[in-house]
């Protein structure tokens, strides 16, 4: 095999591996609107990202106290977003520190 064919072969091998690798991680968007999460239960895979977007004209502070998956995104206003990545399989309870009626559950699968 000449040099150019070897380079093409290596590139194609890499190109075939890359889509398979990137297909494992996903991004989910959870919009906060009218002091609610649109979906009370979300199923994701371990390693997926979850982007919390604030569409309300006031601040939200999304957090979880779930052992092994705790986080606090801090306060952020309309049009802003915060992203988390959950890596531990299991159930994660998500709440808003400002609006206690805002609650959702995320199921993180292997």
PDB file of N, CA and C in Angstrom:
ATOM      1  N   UNK A   1       0.861  -1.166   0.000  1.00  0.00           N
ATOM      2  CA  UNK A   1       0.000   0.000   0.000  1.00  0.00           C
ATOM      3  C   UNK A   1       0.910   1.231   0.000  1.00  0.00           C
ATOM      4  N   UNK A   2       0.608   2.197  -0.895  1.00  0.00           N
ATOM      5  CA  UNK A   2       1.448   3.397  -0.920  1.00  0.00           C
ATOM      6  C   UNK A   2       1.082   4.332   0.223  1.00  0.00           C
ATOM      7  N   UNK A   3       1.868   5.392   0.406  1.00  0.00           N
ATOM      8  CA  UNK A   3       1.685   6.330   1.527  1.00  0.00           C
ATOM      9  C   UNK A   3       0.300   6.957   1.538  1.00  0.00           C
ATOM     10  N   UNK A   4      -0.178   7.432   0.397  1.00  0.00           N
ATOM     11  CA  UNK A   4      -1.484   8.104   0.336  1.00  0.00           C
ATOM     12  C   UNK A   4      -2.619   7.149   0.667  1.00  0.00           C
ATOM     13  N   UNK A   5      -2.534   5.927   0.156  1.00  0.00           N
ATOM     14  CA  UNK A   5      -3.589   4.950   0.458  1.00  0.00           C
ATOM     15  C   UNK A   5      -3.585   4.619   1.948  1.00  0.00           C
ATOM     16  N   UNK A   6      -2.401   4.533   2.553  1.00  0.00           N
ATOM     17  CA  UNK A   6      -2.304   4.264   3.980  1.00  0.00           C
ATOM     18  C   UNK A   6      -2.941   5.403   4.787  1.00  0.00           C
ATOM     19  N   UNK A   7      -2.702   6.640   4.397  1.00  0.00           N
ATOM     20  CA  UNK A   7      -3.301   7.797   5.085  1.00  0.00           C
ATOM     21  C   UNK A   7      -4.817   7.767   4.960  1.00  0.00           C
ATOM     22  N   UNK A   8      -5.311   7.490   3.768  1.00  0.00           N
ATOM     23  CA  UNK A   8      -6.766   7.419   3.558  1.00  0.00           C
ATOM     24  C   UNK A   8      -7.362   6.304   4.395  1.00  0.00           C
ATOM     25  N   UNK A   9      -6.693   5.175   4.436  1.00  0.00           N
ATOM     26  CA  UNK A   9      -7.165   4.042   5.221  1.00  0.00           C
ATOM     27  C   UNK A   9      -7.246   4.403   6.708  1.00  0.00           C
ATOM     28  N   UNK A  10      -6.209   5.056   7.229  1.00  0.00           N
ATOM     29  CA  UNK A  10      -6.214   5.487   8.637  1.00  0.00           C
ATOM     30  C   UNK A  10      -7.321   6.490   8.894  1.00  0.00           C
ATOM     31  N   UNK A  11      -7.516   7.449   7.977  1.00  0.00           N
ATOM     32  CA  UNK A  11      -8.552   8.452   8.140  1.00  0.00           C
ATOM     33  C   UNK A  11      -9.935   7.807   8.165  1.00  0.00           C
ATOM     34  N   UNK A  12     -10.194   6.892   7.228  1.00  0.00           N
ATOM     35  CA  UNK A  12     -11.499   6.234   7.168  1.00  0.00           C
ATOM     36  C   UNK A  12     -11.749   5.410   8.420  1.00  0.00           C
ATOM     37  N   UNK A  13     -10.715   4.752   8.914  1.00  0.00           N
ATOM     38  CA  UNK A  13     -10.868   3.993  10.153  1.00  0.00           C
ATOM     39  C   UNK A  13     -11.236   4.904  11.312  1.00  0.00           C
ATOM     40  N   UNK A  14     -10.579   6.049  11.409  1.00  0.00           N
ATOM     41  CA  UNK A  14     -10.888   7.022  12.450  1.00  0.00           C
ATOM     42  C   UNK A  14     -12.297   7.583  12.259  1.00  0.00           C
ATOM     43  N   UNK A  15     -12.664   7.888  11.021  1.00  0.00           N
ATOM     44  CA  UNK A  15     -13.978   8.461  10.729  1.00  0.00           C
ATOM     45  C   UNK A  15     -15.088   7.491  11.096  1.00  0.00           C
ATOM     46  N   UNK A  16     -14.841   6.205  10.960  1.00  0.00           N
ATOM     47  CA  UNK A  16     -15.855   5.219  11.330  1.00  0.00           C
ATOM     48  C   UNK A  16     -15.964   5.065  12.837  1.00  0.00           C
ATOM     49  N   UNK A  17     -14.879   5.211  13.551  1.00  0.00           N
ATOM     50  CA  UNK A  17     -14.889   5.097  15.013  1.00  0.00           C
ATOM     51  C   UNK A  17     -15.507   6.330  15.663  1.00  0.00           C
ATOM     52  N   UNK A  18     -15.221   7.511  15.172  1.00  0.00           N
ATOM     53  CA  UNK A  18     -15.674   8.759  15.791  1.00  0.00           C
ATOM     54  C   UNK A  18     -17.187   8.842  15.936  1.00  0.00           C
ATOM     55  N   UNK A  19     -17.994   8.594  14.897  1.00  0.00           N
ATOM     56  CA  UNK A  19     -19.447   8.671  15.092  1.00  0.00           C
ATOM     57  C   UNK A  19     -19.954   7.674  16.120  1.00  0.00           C
ATOM     58  N   UNK A  20     -19.364   6.491  16.175  1.00  0.00           N
ATOM     59  CA  UNK A  20     -19.803   5.506  17.157  1.00  0.00           C
ATOM     60  C   UNK A  20     -19.496   5.992  18.567  1.00  0.00           C
ATOM     61  N   UNK A  21     -18.363   6.646  18.752  1.00  0.00           N
ATOM     62  CA  UNK A  21     -17.990   7.145  20.066  1.00  0.00           C
ATOM     63  C   UNK A  21     -18.888   8.312  20.482  1.00  0.00           C
ATOM     64  N   UNK A  22     -19.119   9.255  19.604  1.00  0.00           N
ATOM     65  CA  UNK A  22     -19.896  10.438  19.966  1.00  0.00           C
ATOM     66  C   UNK A  22     -21.372  10.117  20.114  1.00  0.00           C
ATOM     67  N   UNK A  23     -21.831   8.999  19.591  1.00  0.00           N
ATOM     68  CA  UNK A  23     -23.242   8.642  19.683  1.00  0.00           C
ATOM     69  C   UNK A  23     -23.629   8.253  21.109  1.00  0.00           C
ATOM     70  N   UNK A  24     -22.655   7.955  21.960  1.00  0.00           N
ATOM     71  CA  UNK A  24     -22.964   7.517  23.309  1.00  0.00           C
ATOM     72  C   UNK A  24     -23.483   8.651  24.194  1.00  0.00           C
ATOM     73  N   UNK A  25     -22.979   9.844  24.040  1.00  0.00           N
ATOM     74  CA  UNK A  25     -23.372  10.969  24.890  1.00  0.00           C
ATOM     75  C   UNK A  25     -24.430  11.797  24.176  1.00  0.00           C
ATOM     76  N   UNK A  26     -25.438  12.205  24.921  1.00  0.00           N
ATOM     77  CA  UNK A  26     -26.497  13.031  24.354  1.00  0.00           C
ATOM     78  C   UNK A  26     -26.687  14.290  25.167  1.00  0.00           C
ATOM     79  N   UNK A  27     -27.438  15.226  24.602  1.00  0.00           N
ATOM     80  CA  UNK A  27     -27.790  16.438  25.332  1.00  0.00           C
ATOM     81  C   UNK A  27     -29.302  16.560  25.356  1.00  0.00           C
ATOM     82  N   UNK A  28     -29.818  16.817  26.532  1.00  0.00           N
ATOM     83  CA  UNK A  28     -31.246  17.003  26.730  1.00  0.00           C
ATOM     84  C   UNK A  28     -31.466  18.441  27.189  1.00  0.00           C
ATOM     85  N   UNK A  29     -32.527  19.053  26.722  1.00  0.00           N
ATOM     86  CA  UNK A  29     -32.838  20.431  27.109  1.00  0.00           C
ATOM     87  C   UNK A  29     -34.117  20.421  27.933  1.00  0.00           C
ATOM     88  N   UNK A  30     -34.040  21.016  29.116  1.00  0.00           N
ATOM     89  CA  UNK A  30     -35.200  21.167  29.990  1.00  0.00           C
ATOM     90  C   UNK A  30     -35.464  22.654  30.124  1.00  0.00           C
ATOM     91  N   UNK A  31     -36.596  23.103  29.610  1.00  0.00           N
ATOM     92  CA  UNK A  31     -36.961  24.514  29.644  1.00  0.00           C
ATOM     93  C   UNK A  31     -37.792  24.773  30.893  1.00  0.00           C
ATOM     94  N   UNK A  32     -37.475  25.856  31.581  1.00  0.00           N
ATOM     95  CA  UNK A  32     -38.278  26.268  32.729  1.00  0.00           C
ATOM     96  C   UNK A  32     -39.205  27.382  32.262  1.00  0.00           C
ATOM     97  N   UNK A  33     -40.501  27.147  32.369  1.00  0.00           N
ATOM     98  CA  UNK A  33     -41.495  28.109  31.894  1.00  0.00           C
ATOM     99  C   UNK A  33     -42.703  28.066  32.812  1.00  0.00           C
ATOM    100  N   UNK A  34     -43.200  29.241  33.184  1.00  0.00           N
ATOM    101  CA  UNK A  34     -44.377  29.348  34.059  1.00  0.00           C
ATOM    102  C   UNK A  34     -44.167  28.625  35.393  1.00  0.00           C
ATOM    103  N   UNK A  35     -42.948  28.740  35.929  1.00  0.00           N
ATOM    104  CA  UNK A  35     -42.582  28.099  37.195  1.00  0.00           C
ATOM    105  C   UNK A  35     -42.809  26.592  37.160  1.00  0.00           C
ATOM    106  N   UNK A  36     -42.513  25.987  36.012  1.00  0.00           N
ATOM    107  CA  UNK A  36     -42.706  24.547  35.854  1.00  0.00           C
ATOM    108  C   UNK A  36     -41.572  23.954  35.016  1.00  0.00           C
ATOM    109  N   UNK A  37     -41.358  22.655  35.215  1.00  0.00           N
ATOM    110  CA  UNK A  37     -40.579  21.859  34.285  1.00  0.00           C
ATOM    111  C   UNK A  37     -41.591  21.238  33.331  1.00  0.00           C
ATOM    112  N   UNK A  38     -41.366  21.277  32.019  1.00  0.00           N
ATOM    113  CA  UNK A  38     -42.363  20.757  31.088  1.00  0.00           C
ATOM    114  C   UNK A  38     -42.555  19.247  31.184  1.00  0.00           C
ATOM    115  N   UNK A  39     -41.531  18.548  31.641  1.00  0.00           N
ATOM    116  CA  UNK A  39     -41.591  17.097  31.765  1.00  0.00           C
ATOM    117  C   UNK A  39     -41.271  16.744  33.215  1.00  0.00           C
ATOM    118  N   UNK A  40     -42.201  16.111  33.928  1.00  0.00           N
ATOM    119  CA  UNK A  40     -41.918  15.792  35.328  1.00  0.00           C
ATOM    120  C   UNK A  40     -40.937  14.640  35.510  1.00  0.00           C
ATOM    121  N   UNK A  41     -40.737  13.837  34.450  1.00  0.00           N
ATOM    122  CA  UNK A  41     -39.831  12.685  34.531  1.00  0.00           C
ATOM    123  C   UNK A  41     -39.040  12.591  33.237  1.00  0.00           C
ATOM    124  N   UNK A  42     -37.714  12.548  33.356  1.00  0.00           N
ATOM    125  CA  UNK A  42     -36.825  12.485  32.204  1.00  0.00           C
ATOM    126  C   UNK A  42     -35.912  11.281  32.356  1.00  0.00           C
ATOM    127  N   UNK A  43     -35.726  10.528  31.273  1.00  0.00           N
ATOM    128  CA  UNK A  43     -34.820   9.379  31.274  1.00  0.00           C
ATOM    129  C   UNK A  43     -33.618   9.725  30.402  1.00  0.00           C
ATOM    130  N   UNK A  44     -32.424   9.599  30.988  1.00  0.00           N
ATOM    131  CA  UNK A  44     -31.178   9.885  30.275  1.00  0.00           C
ATOM    132  C   UNK A  44     -30.211   8.729  30.493  1.00  0.00           C
ATOM    133  N   UNK A  45     -29.137   8.732  29.741  1.00  0.00           N
ATOM    134  CA  UNK A  45     -28.076   7.751  29.941  1.00  0.00           C
ATOM    135  C   UNK A  45     -26.937   8.397  30.726  1.00  0.00           C
ATOM    136  N   UNK A  46     -26.234   7.601  31.501  1.00  0.00           N
ATOM    137  CA  UNK A  46     -25.082   8.103  32.251  1.00  0.00           C
ATOM    138  C   UNK A  46     -24.106   8.765  31.286  1.00  0.00           C
ATOM    139  N   UNK A  47     -23.684   9.975  31.610  1.00  0.00           N
ATOM    140  CA  UNK A  47     -22.773  10.737  30.767  1.00  0.00           C
ATOM    141  C   UNK A  47     -23.467  11.753  29.886  1.00  0.00           C
ATOM    142  N   UNK A  48     -24.795  11.675  29.796  1.00  0.00           N
ATOM    143  CA  UNK A  48     -25.545  12.665  29.020  1.00  0.00           C
ATOM    144  C   UNK A  48     -25.513  14.016  29.723  1.00  0.00           C
ATOM    145  N   UNK A  49     -25.635  15.079  28.934  1.00  0.00           N
ATOM    146  CA  UNK A  49     -25.734  16.434  29.468  1.00  0.00           C
ATOM    147  C   UNK A  49     -27.196  16.848  29.516  1.00  0.00           C
ATOM    148  N   UNK A  50     -27.532  17.627  30.524  1.00  0.00           N
ATOM    149  CA  UNK A  50     -28.871  18.187  30.646  1.00  0.00           C
ATOM    150  C   UNK A  50     -28.723  19.691  30.772  1.00  0.00           C
ATOM    151  N   UNK A  51     -29.299  20.394  29.825  1.00  0.00           N
ATOM    152  CA  UNK A  51     -29.223  21.848  29.786  1.00  0.00           C
ATOM    153  C   UNK A  51     -30.543  22.417  30.304  1.00  0.00           C
ATOM    154  N   UNK A  52     -30.468  23.186  31.381  1.00  0.00           N
ATOM    155  CA  UNK A  52     -31.641  23.826  31.971  1.00  0.00           C
ATOM    156  C   UNK A  52     -31.696  25.263  31.464  1.00  0.00           C
ATOM    157  N   UNK A  53     -32.727  25.586  30.700  1.00  0.00           N
ATOM    158  CA  UNK A  53     -32.889  26.903  30.086  1.00  0.00           C
ATOM    159  C   UNK A  53     -34.030  27.649  30.758  1.00  0.00           C
ATOM    160  N   UNK A  54     -33.784  28.877  31.181  1.00  0.00           N
ATOM    161  CA  UNK A  54     -34.794  29.687  31.865  1.00  0.00           C
ATOM    162  C   UNK A  54     -35.547  30.550  30.850  1.00  0.00           C
ATOM    163  N   UNK A  55     -36.825  30.234  30.638  1.00  0.00           N
ATOM    164  CA  UNK A  55     -37.693  31.038  29.767  1.00  0.00           C
ATOM    165  C   UNK A  55     -38.659  31.909  30.567  1.00  0.00           C
ATOM    166  N   UNK A  56     -38.478  31.952  31.877  1.00  0.00           N
ATOM    167  CA  UNK A  56     -39.338  32.788  32.728  1.00  0.00           C
ATOM    168  C   UNK A  56     -38.698  34.169  32.914  1.00  0.00           C
ATOM    169  N   UNK A  57     -39.517  35.187  33.181  1.00  0.00           N
ATOM    170  CA  UNK A  57     -38.980  36.544  33.373  1.00  0.00           C
ATOM    171  C   UNK A  57     -38.432  36.780  34.791  1.00  0.00           C
ATOM    172  N   UNK A  58     -38.099  35.704  35.480  1.00  0.00           N
ATOM    173  CA  UNK A  58     -37.530  35.798  36.823  1.00  0.00           C
ATOM    174  C   UNK A  58     -36.478  34.703  36.990  1.00  0.00           C
ATOM    175  N   UNK A  59     -35.759  34.749  38.079  1.00  0.00           N
ATOM    176  CA  UNK A  59     -34.655  33.824  38.315  1.00  0.00           C
ATOM    177  C   UNK A  59     -35.133  32.448  38.765  1.00  0.00           C
ATOM    178  N   UNK A  60     -34.319  31.439  38.437  1.00  0.00           N
ATOM    179  CA  UNK A  60     -34.466  30.086  38.960  1.00  0.00           C
ATOM    180  C   UNK A  60     -33.119  29.669  39.537  1.00  0.00           C
ATOM    181  N   UNK A  61     -33.154  28.717  40.446  1.00  0.00           N
ATOM    182  CA  UNK A  61     -31.940  28.120  41.004  1.00  0.00           C
ATOM    183  C   UNK A  61     -32.180  26.621  41.096  1.00  0.00           C
ATOM    184  N   UNK A  62     -31.742  25.900  40.086  1.00  0.00           N
ATOM    185  CA  UNK A  62     -31.982  24.468  39.993  1.00  0.00           C
ATOM    186  C   UNK A  62     -30.892  23.721  40.761  1.00  0.00           C
ATOM    187  N   UNK A  63     -31.332  22.710  41.545  1.00  0.00           N
ATOM    188  CA  UNK A  63     -30.386  21.961  42.357  1.00  0.00           C
ATOM    189  C   UNK A  63     -30.890  20.540  42.590  1.00  0.00           C
ATOM    190  N   UNK A  64     -30.002  19.697  43.097  1.00  0.00           N
ATOM    191  CA  UNK A  64     -30.364  18.358  43.545  1.00  0.00           C
ATOM    192  C   UNK A  64     -29.526  18.018  44.763  1.00  0.00           C
ATOM    193  N   UNK A  65     -30.165  17.390  45.725  1.00  0.00           N
ATOM    194  CA  UNK A  65     -29.463  16.916  46.916  1.00  0.00           C
ATOM    195  C   UNK A  65     -29.285  15.405  46.885  1.00  0.00           C
ATOM    196  N   UNK A  66     -29.559  14.790  45.751  1.00  0.00           N
ATOM    197  CA  UNK A  66     -29.449  13.341  45.607  1.00  0.00           C
ATOM    198  C   UNK A  66     -28.004  12.905  45.835  1.00  0.00           C
ATOM    199  N   UNK A  67     -27.814  11.968  46.740  1.00  0.00           N
ATOM    200  CA  UNK A  67     -26.467  11.482  47.061  1.00  0.00           C
ATOM    201  C   UNK A  67     -25.802  10.905  45.814  1.00  0.00           C
ATOM    202  N   UNK A  68     -24.594  11.342  45.540  1.00  0.00           N
ATOM    203  CA  UNK A  68     -23.841  10.880  44.386  1.00  0.00           C
ATOM    204  C   UNK A  68     -24.119  11.662  43.111  1.00  0.00           C
ATOM    205  N   UNK A  69     -25.176  12.458  43.108  1.00  0.00           N
ATOM    206  CA  UNK A  69     -25.527  13.257  41.925  1.00  0.00           C
ATOM    207  C   UNK A  69     -25.963  14.662  42.311  1.00  0.00           C
ATOM    208  N   UNK A  70     -25.473  15.159  43.437  1.00  0.00           N
ATOM    209  CA  UNK A  70     -25.892  16.480  43.894  1.00  0.00           C
ATOM    210  C   UNK A  70     -25.248  17.575  43.041  1.00  0.00           C
ATOM    211  N   UNK A  71     -25.989  18.673  42.887  1.00  0.00           N
ATOM    212  CA  UNK A  71     -25.488  19.837  42.157  1.00  0.00           C
ATOM    213  C   UNK A  71     -26.317  21.049  42.542  1.00  0.00           C
ATOM    214  N   UNK A  72     -25.787  22.227  42.301  1.00  0.00           N
ATOM    215  CA  UNK A  72     -26.492  23.489  42.504  1.00  0.00           C
ATOM    216  C   UNK A  72     -26.053  24.428  41.386  1.00  0.00           C
ATOM    217  N   UNK A  73     -26.990  24.788  40.515  1.00  0.00           N
ATOM    218  CA  UNK A  73     -26.660  25.609  39.351  1.00  0.00           C
ATOM    219  C   UNK A  73     -26.627  27.097  39.662  1.00  0.00           C
ATOM    220  N   UNK A  74     -26.984  27.487  40.883  1.00  0.00           N
ATOM    221  CA  UNK A  74     -26.998  28.905  41.230  1.00  0.00           C
ATOM    222  C   UNK A  74     -28.159  29.616  40.548  1.00  0.00           C
ATOM    223  N   UNK A  75     -28.338  30.879  40.877  1.00  0.00           N
ATOM    224  CA  UNK A  75     -29.434  31.668  40.301  1.00  0.00           C
ATOM    225  C   UNK A  75     -29.062  32.159  38.913  1.00  0.00           C
ATOM    226  N   UNK A  76     -30.016  32.042  37.988  1.00  0.00           N
ATOM    227  CA  UNK A  76     -29.800  32.558  36.638  1.00  0.00           C
ATOM    228  C   UNK A  76     -31.127  33.011  36.053  1.00  0.00           C
ATOM    229  N   UNK A  77     -31.049  34.067  35.264  1.00  0.00           N
ATOM    230  CA  UNK A  77     -32.237  34.756  34.771  1.00  0.00           C
ATOM    231  C   UNK A  77     -32.719  34.302  33.401  1.00  0.00           C
ATOM    232  N   UNK A  78     -33.730  35.014  32.932  1.00  0.00           N
ATOM    233  CA  UNK A  78     -34.363  34.711  31.661  1.00  0.00           C
ATOM    234  C   UNK A  78     -33.347  34.703  30.516  1.00  0.00           C
ATOM    235  N   UNK A  79     -33.470  33.689  29.655  1.00  0.00           N
ATOM    236  CA  UNK A  79     -32.582  33.575  28.513  1.00  0.00           C
ATOM    237  C   UNK A  79     -31.249  32.913  28.817  1.00  0.00           C
ATOM    238  N   UNK A  80     -30.984  32.650  30.086  1.00  0.00           N
ATOM    239  CA  UNK A  80     -29.729  31.999  30.461  1.00  0.00           C
ATOM    240  C   UNK A  80     -29.946  30.505  30.639  1.00  0.00           C
ATOM    241  N   UNK A  81     -28.869  29.765  30.585  1.00  0.00           N
ATOM    242  CA  UNK A  81     -28.945  28.315  30.737  1.00  0.00           C
ATOM    243  C   UNK A  81     -27.750  27.814  31.536  1.00  0.00           C
ATOM    244  N   UNK A  82     -27.933  26.682  32.168  1.00  0.00           N
ATOM    245  CA  UNK A  82     -26.870  25.994  32.893  1.00  0.00           C
ATOM    246  C   UNK A  82     -26.928  24.525  32.492  1.00  0.00           C
ATOM    247  N   UNK A  83     -25.766  23.893  32.401  1.00  0.00           N
ATOM    248  CA  UNK A  83     -25.698  22.502  31.966  1.00  0.00           C
ATOM    249  C   UNK A  83     -25.015  21.651  33.022  1.00  0.00           C
ATOM    250  N   UNK A  84     -25.546  20.449  33.206  1.00  0.00           N
ATOM    251  CA  UNK A  84     -24.932  19.462  34.097  1.00  0.00           C
ATOM    252  C   UNK A  84     -24.711  18.175  33.311  1.00  0.00           C
ATOM    253  N   UNK A  85     -23.854  17.331  33.833  1.00  0.00           N
ATOM    254  CA  UNK A  85     -23.652  16.004  33.272  1.00  0.00           C
ATOM    255  C   UNK A  85     -23.817  15.019  34.415  1.00  0.00           C
ATOM    256  N   UNK A  86     -24.754  14.091  34.273  1.00  0.00           N
ATOM    257  CA  UNK A  86     -24.988  13.088  35.301  1.00  0.00           C
ATOM    258  C   UNK A  86     -24.294  11.795  34.899  1.00  0.00           C
ATOM    259  N   UNK A  87     -23.467  11.269  35.785  1.00  0.00           N
ATOM    260  CA  UNK A  87     -22.664  10.094  35.448  1.00  0.00           C
ATOM    261  C   UNK A  87     -23.029   8.861  36.273  1.00  0.00           C
ATOM    262  N   UNK A  88     -23.742   9.047  37.370  1.00  0.00           N
ATOM    263  CA  UNK A  88     -24.082   7.931  38.239  1.00  0.00           C
ATOM    264  C   UNK A  88     -25.492   7.427  37.925  1.00  0.00           C
ATOM    265  N   UNK A  89     -25.655   6.145  37.568  1.00  0.00           N
ATOM    266  CA  UNK A  89     -27.002   5.609  37.336  1.00  0.00           C
ATOM    267  C   UNK A  89     -27.852   5.703  38.601  1.00  0.00           C
ATOM    268  N   UNK A  90     -29.143   5.925  38.410  1.00  0.00           N
ATOM    269  CA  UNK A  90     -30.073   6.000  39.524  1.00  0.00           C
ATOM    270  C   UNK A  90     -31.063   7.139  39.357  1.00  0.00           C
ATOM    271  N   UNK A  91     -31.866   7.326  40.381  1.00  0.00           N
ATOM    272  CA  UNK A  91     -32.892   8.371  40.381  1.00  0.00           C
ATOM    273  C   UNK A  91     -32.326   9.663  40.969  1.00  0.00           C
ATOM    274  N   UNK A  92     -32.609  10.777  40.298  1.00  0.00           N
ATOM    275  CA  UNK A  92     -32.139  12.094  40.744  1.00  0.00           C
ATOM    276  C   UNK A  92     -33.348  13.010  40.873  1.00  0.00           C
ATOM    277  N   UNK A  93     -33.546  13.548  42.057  1.00  0.00           N
ATOM    278  CA  UNK A  93     -34.638  14.492  42.312  1.00  0.00           C
ATOM    279  C   UNK A  93     -34.104  15.895  42.055  1.00  0.00           C
ATOM    280  N   UNK A  94     -34.790  16.670  41.197  1.00  0.00           N
ATOM    281  CA  UNK A  94     -34.374  18.018  40.826  1.00  0.00           C
ATOM    282  C   UNK A  94     -35.419  19.009  41.316  1.00  0.00           C
ATOM    283  N   UNK A  95     -34.954  20.116  41.902  1.00  0.00           N
ATOM    284  CA  UNK A  95     -35.863  21.122  42.449  1.00  0.00           C
ATOM    285  C   UNK A  95     -35.351  22.520  42.116  1.00  0.00           C
ATOM    286  N   UNK A  96     -36.205  23.510  42.373  1.00  0.00           N
ATOM    287  CA  UNK A  96     -35.814  24.907  42.262  1.00  0.00           C
ATOM    288  C   UNK A  96     -35.822  25.504  43.669  1.00  0.00           C
ATOM    289  N   UNK A  97     -34.708  26.106  44.065  1.00  0.00           N
ATOM    290  CA  UNK A  97     -34.597  26.683  45.405  1.00  0.00           C
ATOM    291  C   UNK A  97     -35.508  27.891  45.590  1.00  0.00           C
ATOM    292  N   UNK A  98     -35.893  28.530  44.503  1.00  0.00           N
ATOM    293  CA  UNK A  98     -36.725  29.735  44.571  1.00  0.00           C
ATOM    294  C   UNK A  98     -38.210  29.399  44.489  1.00  0.00           C
ATOM    295  N   UNK A  99     -38.543  28.358  43.727  1.00  0.00           N
ATOM    296  CA  UNK A  99     -39.942  27.970  43.507  1.00  0.00           C
ATOM    297  C   UNK A  99     -40.119  26.511  43.929  1.00  0.00           C
ATOM    298  N   UNK A 100     -40.497  26.259  45.193  1.00  0.00           N
ATOM    299  CA  UNK A 100     -40.556  24.888  45.708  1.00  0.00           C
ATOM    300  C   UNK A 100     -41.547  23.982  44.980  1.00  0.00           C
ATOM    301  N   UNK A 101     -42.471  24.558  44.224  1.00  0.00           N
ATOM    302  CA  UNK A 101     -43.417  23.733  43.467  1.00  0.00           C
ATOM    303  C   UNK A 101     -42.782  23.116  42.214  1.00  0.00           C
ATOM    304  N   UNK A 102     -41.605  23.597  41.863  1.00  0.00           N
ATOM    305  CA  UNK A 102     -40.887  23.066  40.695  1.00  0.00           C
ATOM    306  C   UNK A 102     -40.080  21.844  41.113  1.00  0.00           C
ATOM    307  N   UNK A 103     -40.536  20.676  40.656  1.00  0.00           N
ATOM    308  CA  UNK A 103     -39.885  19.420  40.999  1.00  0.00           C
ATOM    309  C   UNK A 103     -39.926  18.515  39.775  1.00  0.00           C
ATOM    310  N   UNK A 104     -38.834  17.820  39.533  1.00  0.00           N
ATOM    311  CA  UNK A 104     -38.817  16.801  38.492  1.00  0.00           C
ATOM    312  C   UNK A 104     -37.877  15.677  38.895  1.00  0.00           C
ATOM    313  N   UNK A 105     -38.062  14.513  38.284  1.00  0.00           N
ATOM    314  CA  UNK A 105     -37.210  13.370  38.536  1.00  0.00           C
ATOM    315  C   UNK A 105     -36.481  13.007  37.255  1.00  0.00           C
ATOM    316  N   UNK A 106     -35.199  12.702  37.387  1.00  0.00           N
ATOM    317  CA  UNK A 106     -34.401  12.243  36.265  1.00  0.00           C
ATOM    318  C   UNK A 106     -33.933  10.824  36.580  1.00  0.00           C
ATOM    319  N   UNK A 107     -34.188   9.920  35.660  1.00  0.00           N
ATOM    320  CA  UNK A 107     -33.710   8.555  35.781  1.00  0.00           C
ATOM    321  C   UNK A 107     -32.470   8.414  34.910  1.00  0.00           C
ATOM    322  N   UNK A 108     -31.344   8.142  35.540  1.00  0.00           N
ATOM    323  CA  UNK A 108     -30.080   7.994  34.820  1.00  0.00           C
ATOM    324  C   UNK A 108     -29.820   6.486  34.653  1.00  0.00           C
ATOM    325  N   UNK A 109     -29.802   6.069  33.392  1.00  0.00           N
ATOM    326  CA  UNK A 109     -29.589   4.656  33.087  1.00  0.00           C
ATOM    327  C   UNK A 109     -28.143   4.421  32.666  1.00  0.00           C
ATOM    328  N   UNK A 110     -27.689   3.171  32.799  1.00  0.00           N
ATOM    329  CA  UNK A 110     -26.328   2.801  32.370  1.00  0.00           C
ATOM    330  C   UNK A 110     -26.187   2.943  30.886  1.00  0.00           C
TER     331      UNK A 110
END
